[in-house]
C-alpha atoms as a PDB file:
ATOM      1  CA  MET A   1      -5.697 -32.576 -73.754  1.00  0.00           C
ATOM      2  CA  LEU A   2      -3.257 -30.345 -71.741  1.00  0.00           C
ATOM      3  CA  GLU A   3      -1.598 -27.694 -73.780  1.00  0.00           C
ATOM      4  CA  LEU A   4       1.310 -25.465 -72.368  1.00  0.00           C
ATOM      5  CA  SER A   5       2.711 -22.585 -74.530  1.00  0.00           C
ATOM      6  CA  LEU A   6       5.586 -20.203 -74.014  1.00  0.00           C
ATOM      7  CA  ALA A   7       3.179 -17.274 -74.862  1.00  0.00           C
ATOM      8  CA  GLU A   8       1.083 -18.291 -71.973  1.00  0.00           C
ATOM      9  CA  MET A   9       3.878 -19.123 -69.601  1.00  0.00           C
ATOM     10  CA  VAL A  10       5.858 -15.936 -69.763  1.00  0.00           C
ATOM     11  CA  PRO A  11       2.920 -13.494 -68.436  1.00  0.00           C
ATOM     12  CA  ILE A  12       2.340 -15.955 -65.653  1.00  0.00           C
ATOM     13  CA  LEU A  13       5.926 -16.620 -64.559  1.00  0.00           C
ATOM     14  CA  LYS A  14       7.107 -12.919 -64.869  1.00  0.00           C
ATOM     15  CA  PRO A  15       5.374 -11.510 -61.827  1.00  0.00           C
ATOM     16  CA  LEU A  16       6.521 -14.660 -59.746  1.00  0.00           C
ATOM     17  CA  THR A  17      10.181 -14.067 -60.881  1.00  0.00           C
ATOM     18  CA  GLN A  18       9.811 -10.467 -59.949  1.00  0.00           C
ATOM     19  CA  PHE A  19       8.432 -11.346 -56.431  1.00  0.00           C
ATOM     20  CA  ILE A  20      11.355 -14.000 -56.092  1.00  0.00           C
ATOM     21  CA  ILE A  21      13.853 -11.245 -56.849  1.00  0.00           C
ATOM     22  CA  GLY A  22      12.251  -8.610 -54.642  1.00  0.00           C
ATOM     23  CA  ILE A  23      12.055 -11.063 -51.685  1.00  0.00           C
ATOM     24  CA  VAL A  24      15.601 -12.220 -52.154  1.00  0.00           C
ATOM     25  CA  VAL A  25      17.230  -8.805 -52.532  1.00  0.00           C
ATOM     26  CA  TYR A  26      15.312  -7.578 -49.493  1.00  0.00           C
ATOM     27  CA  SER A  27      16.240 -10.468 -47.462  1.00  0.00           C
ATOM     28  CA  MET A  28      19.880 -10.185 -48.344  1.00  0.00           C
ATOM     29  CA  PHE A  29      19.896  -6.593 -47.747  1.00  0.00           C
ATOM     30  CA  ILE A  30      18.127  -7.007 -44.168  1.00  0.00           C
ATOM     31  CA  PHE A  31      20.465  -9.939 -43.462  1.00  0.00           C
ATOM     32  CA  HIS A  32      23.575  -7.546 -43.758  1.00  0.00           C
ATOM     33  CA  PHE A  33      21.621  -4.456 -42.249  1.00  0.00           C
ATOM     34  CA  TYR A  34      20.653  -6.228 -38.921  1.00  0.00           C
ATOM     35  CA  ARG A  35      23.866  -7.979 -38.536  1.00  0.00           C
ATOM     36  CA  PHE A  36      25.840  -4.905 -38.789  1.00  0.00           C
ATOM     37  CA  LEU A  37      23.568  -2.731 -36.508  1.00  0.00           C
ATOM     38  CA  SER A  38      23.380  -5.337 -33.939  1.00  0.00           C
ATOM     39  CA  ARG A  39      26.993  -5.825 -33.200  1.00  0.00           C
ATOM     40  CA  LYS A  40      28.254  -4.301 -29.965  1.00  0.00           C
ATOM     41  CA  ASP A  41      31.336  -3.086 -31.774  1.00  0.00           C
ATOM     42  CA  VAL A  42      30.060  -1.499 -34.720  1.00  0.00           C
ATOM     43  CA  PHE A  43      33.196  -0.388 -36.537  1.00  0.00           C
ATOM     44  CA  LYS A  44      36.197  -2.720 -37.380  1.00  0.00           C
ATOM     45  CA  LEU A  45      38.270   0.182 -38.696  1.00  0.00           C
ATOM     46  CA  HIS A  46      41.310  -0.831 -36.732  1.00  0.00           C
ATOM     47  CA  LEU A  47      42.488   2.784 -36.956  1.00  0.00           C
ATOM     48  CA  ASP A  48      44.959   2.003 -34.182  1.00  0.00           C
ATOM     49  CA  LYS A  49      47.412   0.582 -36.847  1.00  0.00           C
ATOM     50  CA  PHE A  50      47.911   4.285 -37.888  1.00  0.00           C
ATOM     51  CA  ASN A  51      49.121   4.979 -34.377  1.00  0.00           C
ATOM     52  CA  THR A  52      52.688   4.431 -34.410  1.00  0.00           C
ATOM     53  CA  SER A  53      53.948   6.670 -31.835  1.00  0.00           C
ATOM     54  CA  GLY A  54      56.512   4.836 -29.397  1.00  0.00           C
ATOM     55  CA  HIS A  55      55.905   7.558 -26.537  1.00  0.00           C
ATOM     56  CA  PRO A  56      53.125   5.869 -24.285  1.00  0.00           C
ATOM     57  CA  LEU A  57      51.406   9.314 -23.475  1.00  0.00           C
ATOM     58  CA  ILE A  58      51.389  10.290 -27.111  1.00  0.00           C
ATOM     59  CA  HIS A  59      50.209   6.807 -28.340  1.00  0.00           C
ATOM     60  CA  ASN A  60      47.319   6.935 -25.646  1.00  0.00           C
ATOM     61  CA  LEU A  61      46.221  10.506 -26.916  1.00  0.00           C
ATOM     62  CA  VAL A  62      46.332   9.504 -30.435  1.00  0.00           C
ATOM     63  CA  ALA A  63      44.538   6.238 -29.644  1.00  0.00           C
ATOM     64  CA  LEU A  64      41.793   8.405 -27.877  1.00  0.00           C
ATOM     65  CA  PHE A  65      41.661  10.912 -30.712  1.00  0.00           C
ATOM     66  CA  LEU A  66      41.024   7.889 -33.023  1.00  0.00           C
ATOM     67  CA  TYR A  67      38.394   6.377 -30.916  1.00  0.00           C
ATOM     68  CA  ILE A  68      36.441   9.608 -30.630  1.00  0.00           C
ATOM     69  CA  PHE A  69      36.781  10.108 -34.510  1.00  0.00           C
ATOM     70  CA  GLU A  70      35.240   6.812 -35.201  1.00  0.00           C
ATOM     71  CA  TYR A  71      32.132   7.412 -32.729  1.00  0.00           C
ATOM     72  CA  VAL A  72      31.731  11.086 -33.466  1.00  0.00           C
ATOM     73  CA  ILE A  73      32.356  11.295 -37.244  1.00  0.00           C
ATOM     74  CA  PHE A  74      31.253   7.771 -38.416  1.00  0.00           C
ATOM     75  CA  PHE A  75      28.812   6.599 -35.983  1.00  0.00           C
ATOM     76  CA  PRO A  76      26.403   9.429 -36.416  1.00  0.00           C
ATOM     77  CA  LEU A  77      26.434   8.744 -40.312  1.00  0.00           C
ATOM     78  CA  PHE A  78      25.611   5.148 -39.509  1.00  0.00           C
ATOM     79  CA  VAL A  79      22.867   5.947 -36.834  1.00  0.00           C
ATOM     80  CA  PHE A  80      21.343   8.321 -39.409  1.00  0.00           C
ATOM     81  CA  PHE A  81      21.454   5.591 -42.152  1.00  0.00           C
ATOM     82  CA  TRP A  82      19.734   2.928 -39.799  1.00  0.00           C
ATOM     83  CA  PHE A  83      17.241   5.304 -38.851  1.00  0.00           C
ATOM     84  CA  ALA A  84      16.588   6.312 -42.494  1.00  0.00           C
ATOM     85  CA  ILE A  85      16.084   2.572 -43.617  1.00  0.00           C
ATOM     86  CA  LEU A  86      13.755   1.769 -40.817  1.00  0.00           C
ATOM     87  CA  THR A  87      11.742   5.111 -41.316  1.00  0.00           C
ATOM     88  CA  SER A  88      11.333   4.317 -44.904  1.00  0.00           C
ATOM     89  CA  LEU A  89      10.251   0.769 -44.181  1.00  0.00           C
ATOM     90  CA  LEU A  90       7.589   1.863 -41.693  1.00  0.00           C
ATOM     91  CA  ILE A  91       6.591   4.705 -44.117  1.00  0.00           C
ATOM     92  CA  PHE A  92       5.930   2.416 -46.966  1.00  0.00           C
ATOM     93  CA  LEU A  93       4.393  -0.237 -44.958  1.00  0.00           C
ATOM     94  CA  SER A  94       2.454   1.545 -42.117  1.00  0.00           C
ATOM     95  CA  LYS A  95      -1.243   2.079 -42.242  1.00  0.00           C
ATOM     96  CA  SER A  96      -1.012   4.705 -39.391  1.00  0.00           C
ATOM     97  CA  GLN A  97       0.742   7.032 -41.706  1.00  0.00           C
ATOM     98  CA  ASN A  98       1.530   9.433 -38.530  1.00  0.00           C
ATOM     99  CA  LEU A  99       4.997  10.660 -39.328  1.00  0.00           C
ATOM    100  CA  ASP A 100       5.723  11.797 -35.782  1.00  0.00           C
ATOM    101  CA  SER A 101       5.026   8.129 -34.472  1.00  0.00           C
ATOM    102  CA  ILE A 102       6.832   6.535 -37.303  1.00  0.00           C
ATOM    103  CA  LEU A 103       9.968   8.882 -36.554  1.00  0.00           C
ATOM    104  CA  MET A 104       9.817   8.049 -32.763  1.00  0.00           C
ATOM    105  CA  ILE A 105       9.424   4.202 -33.419  1.00  0.00           C
ATOM    106  CA  SER A 106      12.213   4.173 -35.915  1.00  0.00           C
ATOM    107  CA  ILE A 107      14.654   5.757 -33.576  1.00  0.00           C
ATOM    108  CA  ALA A 108      13.492   3.819 -30.539  1.00  0.00           C
ATOM    109  CA  ILE A 109      14.110   0.514 -32.575  1.00  0.00           C
ATOM    110  CA  VAL A 110      17.594   1.935 -33.480  1.00  0.00           C
ATOM    111  CA  ALA A 111      18.394   2.932 -29.833  1.00  0.00           C
ATOM    112  CA  SER A 112      16.884  -0.407 -28.457  1.00  0.00           C
ATOM    113  CA  ILE A 113      19.126  -2.422 -30.764  1.00  0.00           C
ATOM    114  CA  ARG A 114      22.130  -0.561 -29.580  1.00  0.00           C
ATOM    115  CA  VAL A 115      21.289  -1.057 -25.924  1.00  0.00           C
ATOM    116  CA  THR A 116      20.663  -4.829 -26.226  1.00  0.00           C
ATOM    117  CA  ALA A 117      23.894  -5.105 -28.060  1.00  0.00           C
ATOM    118  CA  TYR A 118      25.816  -4.479 -25.083  1.00  0.00           C
ATOM    119  CA  TYR A 119      23.635  -6.892 -22.998  1.00  0.00           C
ATOM    120  CA  ASN A 120      23.625  -9.813 -25.720  1.00  0.00           C
ATOM    121  CA  GLU A 121      24.374  -9.505 -29.253  1.00  0.00           C
ATOM    122  CA  ASP A 122      21.971 -12.412 -30.127  1.00  0.00           C
ATOM    123  CA  LEU A 123      19.067 -10.676 -28.506  1.00  0.00           C
ATOM    124  CA  SER A 124      20.205  -7.475 -30.458  1.00  0.00           C
ATOM    125  CA  LYS A 125      20.202  -9.474 -33.849  1.00  0.00           C
ATOM    126  CA  ASP A 126      16.997 -10.807 -33.162  1.00  0.00           C
ATOM    127  CA  LEU A 127      15.550  -7.440 -32.444  1.00  0.00           C
ATOM    128  CA  ALA A 128      17.131  -5.999 -35.379  1.00  0.00           C
ATOM    129  CA  LYS A 129      15.633  -8.409 -37.939  1.00  0.00           C
ATOM    130  CA  MET A 130      12.197  -8.810 -36.247  1.00  0.00           C
ATOM    131  CA  LEU A 131      10.523  -5.538 -37.608  1.00  0.00           C
ATOM    132  CA  PRO A 132      12.101  -5.762 -41.291  1.00  0.00           C
ATOM    133  CA  PHE A 133      10.901  -9.253 -41.553  1.00  0.00           C
ATOM    134  CA  ALA A 134       7.685  -8.727 -40.102  1.00  0.00           C
ATOM    135  CA  LEU A 135       6.907  -5.882 -42.494  1.00  0.00           C
ATOM    136  CA  LEU A 136       7.939  -8.191 -45.290  1.00  0.00           C
ATOM    137  CA  GLY A 137       5.163 -10.899 -43.967  1.00  0.00           C
ATOM    138  CA  VAL A 138       2.564  -7.989 -43.742  1.00  0.00           C
ATOM    139  CA  PHE A 139       3.396  -6.926 -47.285  1.00  0.00           C
ATOM    140  CA  LEU A 140       3.349 -10.514 -48.896  1.00  0.00           C
ATOM    141  CA  ILE A 141       0.079 -11.148 -46.904  1.00  0.00           C
ATOM    142  CA  ASP A 142      -1.763  -8.102 -48.016  1.00  0.00           C
ATOM    143  CA  ILE A 143      -0.104  -6.286 -50.915  1.00  0.00           C
ATOM    144  CA  SER A 144      -2.746  -3.545 -50.855  1.00  0.00           C
ATOM    145  CA  TYR A 145      -1.635  -2.698 -47.173  1.00  0.00           C
ATOM    146  CA  PHE A 146       0.363   0.244 -48.285  1.00  0.00           C
ATOM    147  CA  SER A 147      -0.092   3.222 -50.349  1.00  0.00           C
ATOM    148  CA  LEU A 148       2.579   4.387 -52.593  1.00  0.00           C
ATOM    149  CA  GLU A 149       1.253   8.026 -52.950  1.00  0.00           C
ATOM    150  CA  SER A 150       0.655   8.667 -49.199  1.00  0.00           C
ATOM    151  CA  SER A 151       4.020   7.138 -48.593  1.00  0.00           C
ATOM    152  CA  ILE A 152       5.742   9.367 -50.853  1.00  0.00           C
ATOM    153  CA  ASP A 153       3.768  12.337 -49.301  1.00  0.00           C
ATOM    154  CA  LEU A 154       5.097  11.514 -45.958  1.00  0.00           C
ATOM    155  CA  LEU A 155       8.731  11.195 -47.215  1.00  0.00           C
ATOM    156  CA  TRP A 156       8.432  14.710 -48.622  1.00  0.00           C
ATOM    157  CA  GLN A 157       7.181  15.926 -45.088  1.00  0.00           C
ATOM    158  CA  ILE A 158      10.353  14.541 -43.319  1.00  0.00           C
ATOM    159  CA  PRO A 159      12.577  17.591 -43.816  1.00  0.00           C
ATOM    160  CA  ASP A 160       9.883  19.760 -41.907  1.00  0.00           C
ATOM    161  CA  TYR A 161      10.993  17.397 -38.886  1.00  0.00           C
ATOM    162  CA  TRP A 162      14.474  18.562 -38.908  1.00  0.00           C
ATOM    163  CA  ALA A 163      14.751  19.612 -35.306  1.00  0.00           C
ATOM    164  CA  THR A 164      13.222  16.403 -33.867  1.00  0.00           C
ATOM    165  CA  LEU A 165      15.592  14.544 -36.262  1.00  0.00           C
ATOM    166  CA  LEU A 166      18.563  16.265 -34.698  1.00  0.00           C
ATOM    167  CA  TYR A 167      17.339  15.821 -31.203  1.00  0.00           C
ATOM    168  CA  TYR A 168      16.846  12.096 -32.109  1.00  0.00           C
ATOM    169  CA  LEU A 169      20.302  11.678 -33.523  1.00  0.00           C
ATOM    170  CA  GLY A 170      21.923  13.538 -30.547  1.00  0.00           C
ATOM    171  CA  PHE A 171      20.036  11.366 -28.074  1.00  0.00           C
ATOM    172  CA  THR A 172      21.087   8.156 -29.824  1.00  0.00           C
ATOM    173  CA  ILE A 173      24.823   9.313 -29.863  1.00  0.00           C
ATOM    174  CA  ALA A 174      24.726  10.438 -26.442  1.00  0.00           C
ATOM    175  CA  LEU A 175      23.310   6.789 -25.527  1.00  0.00           C
ATOM    176  CA  GLU A 176      25.936   4.975 -27.428  1.00  0.00           C
ATOM    177  CA  PHE A 177      28.824   7.098 -25.580  1.00  0.00           C
ATOM    178  CA  THR A 178      27.252   6.246 -22.392  1.00  0.00           C
ATOM    179  CA  LEU A 179      26.866   2.652 -23.071  1.00  0.00           C
ATOM    180  CA  ARG A 180      30.401   2.426 -24.388  1.00  0.00           C
ATOM    181  CA  ILE A 181      31.548   4.281 -21.068  1.00  0.00           C
ATOM    182  CA  VAL A 182      29.825   1.976 -18.871  1.00  0.00           C
ATOM    183  CA  HIS A 183      30.737  -1.046 -20.708  1.00  0.00           C
ATOM    184  CA  GLY A 184      34.455   0.044 -20.445  1.00  0.00           C
ATOM    185  CA  PHE A 185      34.290   0.295 -16.738  1.00  0.00           C
ATOM    186  CA  ILE A 186      32.556  -2.942 -16.237  1.00  0.00           C
ATOM    187  CA  SER A 187      34.906  -4.596 -18.427  1.00  0.00           C
ATOM    188  CA  GLY A 188      37.823  -2.805 -16.532  1.00  0.00           C
ATOM    189  CA  PHE A 189      36.261  -4.025 -12.994  1.00  0.00           C
ATOM    190  CA  LYS A 190      35.895  -7.504 -14.325  1.00  0.00           C
ATOM    191  CA  LYS A 191      39.459  -7.581 -15.645  1.00  0.00           C
ATOM    192  CA  ASP A 192      40.890  -6.387 -12.284  1.00  0.00           C
ATOM    193  CA  GLU A 193      38.694  -9.060 -10.477  1.00  0.00           C
ATOM    194  CA  THR A 194      40.345 -11.817 -12.665  1.00  0.00           C
ATOM    195  CA  ASP A 195      43.924 -10.548 -11.813  1.00  0.00           C
END
């Protein structure tokens, strides 16, 4: 006769519940993460509403200042955040444990997502979600794939790469500025052609 008991059920369902919660939380985080990272216009701060000047020259100067403020103050923080998230994911789920490569791959992914956002936001979204979900798949298929101890050791080594991190951050910020300028010129030319 088939016998079921609560005492037997709890230890069986507890790890299942933990897995479900982990997958759901990770997926929700990645969903919001990739959608934010892959937008061409990252910020929707609408700082222009604070620009109440009636004089056209002052209005344009304030608008320029607010625009630069968004992309000089806020954008580097977000790039660093995205880079830190991708680096952490790669460190925990990478067998190659080579920090130089992990850092380069992480910033290359962030920069590639930003470049493709100016070409096509759907492509950018696909690229932004590809790696995190692929890493989730690898983790689910082979949970022994990563080593917590070696991953934590690598995380402690990251401060030793501060110069590399600054170069990567500076490059990505310069790339974003270049993309915004080129996009602005192209948009301006397209607007002139339609007038």
